[in-house]
Amino acid sequence: MTRAEALSAAGVLAGTQGDHSRASALLQNSLALFRDLGDKQRSARTLADLGYTSMRQGNYKRAAVLLQESLALARDLGNKRA
């Protein structure tokens, strides 16, 4: 498991435990690493996780931006379900 994956998993866990500010910080760090690695698939997933975290925080405008970015990236990767 890479550091980026570990941060992502920790961020998702923090979100499920209700610590949304910690989740957001962990997921943002994870996203930066995935982008540095050029891992577009995991970047798309992490953007979606950040979007859901923003929704749980009541920041719907930020959530929409993050989810739209995730969707666009998934479509660029050929995800037909996106």
N, C-alpha and C. Protein backbone atom coordinates (compact mmCIF):
# COMPACT_ATOMS: atom_id res chain seq x y z
N MET A 1 0.85 -1.18 0.00
CA MET A 1 0.00 0.00 0.00
C MET A 1 0.90 1.24 0.00
N THR A 2 0.56 2.20 -0.86
CA THR A 2 1.33 3.43 -0.92
C THR A 2 0.86 4.40 0.16
N ARG A 3 1.68 5.41 0.40
CA ARG A 3 1.30 6.45 1.37
C ARG A 3 -0.01 7.12 0.95
N ALA A 4 -0.16 7.37 -0.34
CA ALA A 4 -1.39 8.00 -0.84
C ALA A 4 -2.61 7.14 -0.53
N GLU A 5 -2.48 5.84 -0.72
CA GLU A 5 -3.60 4.93 -0.43
C GLU A 5 -3.90 4.89 1.06
N ALA A 6 -2.85 4.90 1.88
CA ALA A 6 -3.04 4.88 3.33
C ALA A 6 -3.73 6.15 3.81
N LEU A 7 -3.32 7.29 3.26
CA LEU A 7 -3.97 8.55 3.62
C LEU A 7 -5.43 8.57 3.19
N SER A 8 -5.70 8.03 2.01
CA SER A 8 -7.07 7.97 1.52
C SER A 8 -7.93 7.10 2.44
N ALA A 9 -7.42 5.92 2.80
CA ALA A 9 -8.16 5.02 3.69
C ALA A 9 -8.39 5.67 5.05
N ALA A 10 -7.38 6.35 5.57
CA ALA A 10 -7.52 7.03 6.86
C ALA A 10 -8.55 8.16 6.75
N GLY A 11 -8.57 8.85 5.62
CA GLY A 11 -9.55 9.91 5.42
C GLY A 11 -10.97 9.39 5.37
N VAL A 12 -11.17 8.30 4.67
CA VAL A 12 -12.50 7.70 4.60
C VAL A 12 -12.93 7.24 5.99
N LEU A 13 -12.01 6.62 6.74
CA LEU A 13 -12.32 6.17 8.09
C LEU A 13 -12.69 7.35 8.99
N ALA A 14 -11.90 8.42 8.92
CA ALA A 14 -12.21 9.60 9.73
C ALA A 14 -13.59 10.15 9.39
N GLY A 15 -13.94 10.12 8.12
CA GLY A 15 -15.27 10.59 7.72
C GLY A 15 -16.38 9.72 8.27
N THR A 16 -16.20 8.42 8.26
CA THR A 16 -17.23 7.53 8.79
C THR A 16 -17.36 7.67 10.30
N GLN A 17 -16.29 8.13 10.94
CA GLN A 17 -16.33 8.36 12.38
C GLN A 17 -16.82 9.76 12.73
N GLY A 18 -17.16 10.55 11.70
CA GLY A 18 -17.72 11.88 11.92
C GLY A 18 -16.70 13.00 12.06
N ASP A 19 -15.43 12.71 11.88
CA ASP A 19 -14.38 13.73 11.97
C ASP A 19 -14.11 14.26 10.57
N HIS A 20 -15.02 15.11 10.09
CA HIS A 20 -14.98 15.54 8.70
C HIS A 20 -13.83 16.49 8.39
N SER A 21 -13.42 17.30 9.35
CA SER A 21 -12.29 18.19 9.07
C SER A 21 -11.00 17.37 8.93
N ARG A 22 -10.83 16.36 9.77
CA ARG A 22 -9.67 15.47 9.65
C ARG A 22 -9.73 14.68 8.35
N ALA A 23 -10.93 14.21 8.01
CA ALA A 23 -11.11 13.46 6.76
C ALA A 23 -10.70 14.32 5.57
N SER A 24 -11.15 15.55 5.58
CA SER A 24 -10.83 16.45 4.47
C SER A 24 -9.33 16.67 4.34
N ALA A 25 -8.65 16.88 5.46
CA ALA A 25 -7.20 17.10 5.42
C ALA A 25 -6.47 15.87 4.90
N LEU A 26 -6.84 14.70 5.39
CA LEU A 26 -6.20 13.46 4.93
C LEU A 26 -6.45 13.22 3.45
N LEU A 27 -7.69 13.43 3.02
CA LEU A 27 -8.03 13.20 1.62
C LEU A 27 -7.34 14.20 0.70
N GLN A 28 -7.19 15.44 1.14
CA GLN A 28 -6.49 16.44 0.32
C GLN A 28 -5.02 16.05 0.16
N ASN A 29 -4.40 15.57 1.23
CA ASN A 29 -3.00 15.11 1.13
C ASN A 29 -2.90 13.91 0.20
N SER A 30 -3.85 13.00 0.33
CA SER A 30 -3.87 11.83 -0.55
C SER A 30 -4.02 12.24 -2.01
N LEU A 31 -4.93 13.15 -2.28
CA LEU A 31 -5.16 13.62 -3.65
C LEU A 31 -3.89 14.23 -4.24
N ALA A 32 -3.19 15.02 -3.45
CA ALA A 32 -1.95 15.63 -3.94
C ALA A 32 -0.94 14.56 -4.34
N LEU A 33 -0.83 13.52 -3.54
CA LEU A 33 0.10 12.44 -3.86
C LEU A 33 -0.34 11.65 -5.09
N PHE A 34 -1.63 11.34 -5.19
CA PHE A 34 -2.13 10.64 -6.37
C PHE A 34 -1.87 11.45 -7.64
N ARG A 35 -2.07 12.76 -7.55
CA ARG A 35 -1.81 13.61 -8.71
C ARG A 35 -0.33 13.61 -9.06
N ASP A 36 0.53 13.68 -8.03
CA ASP A 36 1.97 13.63 -8.28
C ASP A 36 2.37 12.32 -8.95
N LEU A 37 1.69 11.24 -8.58
CA LEU A 37 1.97 9.92 -9.16
C LEU A 37 1.35 9.75 -10.55
N GLY A 38 0.47 10.68 -10.94
CA GLY A 38 -0.22 10.57 -12.21
C GLY A 38 -1.32 9.52 -12.19
N ASP A 39 -1.80 9.17 -11.02
CA ASP A 39 -2.84 8.15 -10.86
C ASP A 39 -4.22 8.80 -10.96
N LYS A 40 -4.72 8.87 -12.19
CA LYS A 40 -5.98 9.57 -12.44
C LYS A 40 -7.19 8.84 -11.88
N GLN A 41 -7.16 7.52 -11.89
CA GLN A 41 -8.29 6.75 -11.38
C GLN A 41 -8.48 6.98 -9.87
N ARG A 42 -7.38 6.90 -9.14
CA ARG A 42 -7.48 7.12 -7.69
C ARG A 42 -7.71 8.60 -7.38
N SER A 43 -7.23 9.48 -8.24
CA SER A 43 -7.52 10.90 -8.06
C SER A 43 -9.01 11.15 -8.18
N ALA A 44 -9.64 10.52 -9.16
CA ALA A 44 -11.09 10.68 -9.35
C ALA A 44 -11.85 10.17 -8.13
N ARG A 45 -11.45 9.01 -7.62
CA ARG A 45 -12.12 8.45 -6.45
C ARG A 45 -11.94 9.36 -5.24
N THR A 46 -10.73 9.88 -5.05
CA THR A 46 -10.46 10.74 -3.91
C THR A 46 -11.20 12.06 -4.02
N LEU A 47 -11.32 12.59 -5.22
CA LEU A 47 -12.13 13.79 -5.43
C LEU A 47 -13.58 13.54 -5.02
N ALA A 48 -14.09 12.36 -5.37
CA ALA A 48 -15.46 12.02 -4.97
C ALA A 48 -15.57 11.92 -3.45
N ASP A 49 -14.59 11.29 -2.82
CA ASP A 49 -14.60 11.19 -1.36
C ASP A 49 -14.56 12.58 -0.71
N LEU A 50 -13.75 13.47 -1.28
CA LEU A 50 -13.71 14.86 -0.79
C LEU A 50 -15.05 15.55 -0.99
N GLY A 51 -15.70 15.26 -2.12
CA GLY A 51 -17.01 15.85 -2.38
C GLY A 51 -18.05 15.39 -1.36
N TYR A 52 -18.05 14.10 -1.06
CA TYR A 52 -18.99 13.58 -0.07
C TYR A 52 -18.69 14.15 1.32
N THR A 53 -17.42 14.32 1.63
CA THR A 53 -17.03 14.91 2.91
C THR A 53 -17.52 16.35 2.99
N SER A 54 -17.37 17.09 1.90
CA SER A 54 -17.86 18.47 1.87
C SER A 54 -19.37 18.54 2.05
N MET A 55 -20.09 17.59 1.45
CA MET A 55 -21.54 17.55 1.64
C MET A 55 -21.88 17.34 3.11
N ARG A 56 -21.19 16.42 3.75
CA ARG A 56 -21.46 16.14 5.17
C ARG A 56 -21.16 17.36 6.04
N GLN A 57 -20.26 18.23 5.57
CA GLN A 57 -19.93 19.45 6.29
C GLN A 57 -20.90 20.59 5.95
N GLY A 58 -21.81 20.34 5.02
CA GLY A 58 -22.76 21.36 4.61
C GLY A 58 -22.23 22.33 3.58
N ASN A 59 -21.06 22.05 3.01
CA ASN A 59 -20.46 22.92 2.00
C ASN A 59 -20.82 22.37 0.61
N TYR A 60 -22.04 22.67 0.20
CA TYR A 60 -22.59 22.07 -1.01
C TYR A 60 -21.96 22.62 -2.29
N LYS A 61 -21.56 23.88 -2.28
CA LYS A 61 -20.91 24.44 -3.48
C LYS A 61 -19.57 23.75 -3.73
N ARG A 62 -18.79 23.58 -2.67
CA ARG A 62 -17.50 22.89 -2.82
C ARG A 62 -17.72 21.43 -3.21
N ALA A 63 -18.72 20.81 -2.61
CA ALA A 63 -19.03 19.42 -2.95
C ALA A 63 -19.35 19.28 -4.43
N ALA A 64 -20.14 20.20 -4.95
CA ALA A 64 -20.52 20.13 -6.36
C ALA A 64 -19.30 20.26 -7.26
N VAL A 65 -18.40 21.17 -6.94
CA VAL A 65 -17.19 21.36 -7.74
C VAL A 65 -16.33 20.09 -7.71
N LEU A 66 -16.13 19.53 -6.53
CA LEU A 66 -15.30 18.33 -6.39
C LEU A 66 -15.92 17.14 -7.11
N LEU A 67 -17.22 16.96 -6.96
CA LEU A 67 -17.90 15.83 -7.60
C LEU A 67 -17.92 15.98 -9.12
N GLN A 68 -18.07 17.21 -9.60
CA GLN A 68 -18.03 17.43 -11.05
C GLN A 68 -16.64 17.15 -11.60
N GLU A 69 -15.62 17.54 -10.85
CA GLU A 69 -14.24 17.26 -11.29
C GLU A 69 -13.99 15.75 -11.31
N SER A 70 -14.48 15.06 -10.30
CA SER A 70 -14.35 13.61 -10.24
C SER A 70 -15.05 12.94 -11.41
N LEU A 71 -16.24 13.38 -11.70
CA LEU A 71 -17.02 12.82 -12.81
C LEU A 71 -16.33 13.05 -14.14
N ALA A 72 -15.83 14.26 -14.36
CA ALA A 72 -15.15 14.57 -15.61
C ALA A 72 -13.90 13.71 -15.78
N LEU A 73 -13.16 13.54 -14.71
CA LEU A 73 -11.95 12.71 -14.78
C LEU A 73 -12.30 11.26 -15.05
N ALA A 74 -13.32 10.75 -14.40
CA ALA A 74 -13.75 9.37 -14.62
C ALA A 74 -14.20 9.17 -16.07
N ARG A 75 -14.91 10.13 -16.60
CA ARG A 75 -15.35 10.02 -18.01
C ARG A 75 -14.15 10.06 -18.96
N ASP A 76 -13.17 10.93 -18.65
CA ASP A 76 -11.97 10.98 -19.49
C ASP A 76 -11.22 9.65 -19.48
N LEU A 77 -11.34 8.93 -18.39
CA LEU A 77 -10.68 7.62 -18.26
C LEU A 77 -11.49 6.50 -18.91
N GLY A 78 -12.66 6.86 -19.44
CA GLY A 78 -13.47 5.87 -20.15
C GLY A 78 -14.44 5.12 -19.27
N ASN A 79 -14.70 5.62 -18.08
CA ASN A 79 -15.66 4.96 -17.20
C ASN A 79 -17.07 5.20 -17.74
N LYS A 80 -17.67 4.17 -18.27
CA LYS A 80 -18.98 4.29 -18.90
C LYS A 80 -20.10 4.43 -17.88
N ARG A 81 -19.82 4.10 -16.63
CA ARG A 81 -20.83 4.23 -15.57
C ARG A 81 -20.86 5.64 -15.01
N ALA A 82 -19.86 6.46 -15.35
CA ALA A 82 -19.77 7.81 -14.82
C ALA A 82 -20.68 8.76 -15.57
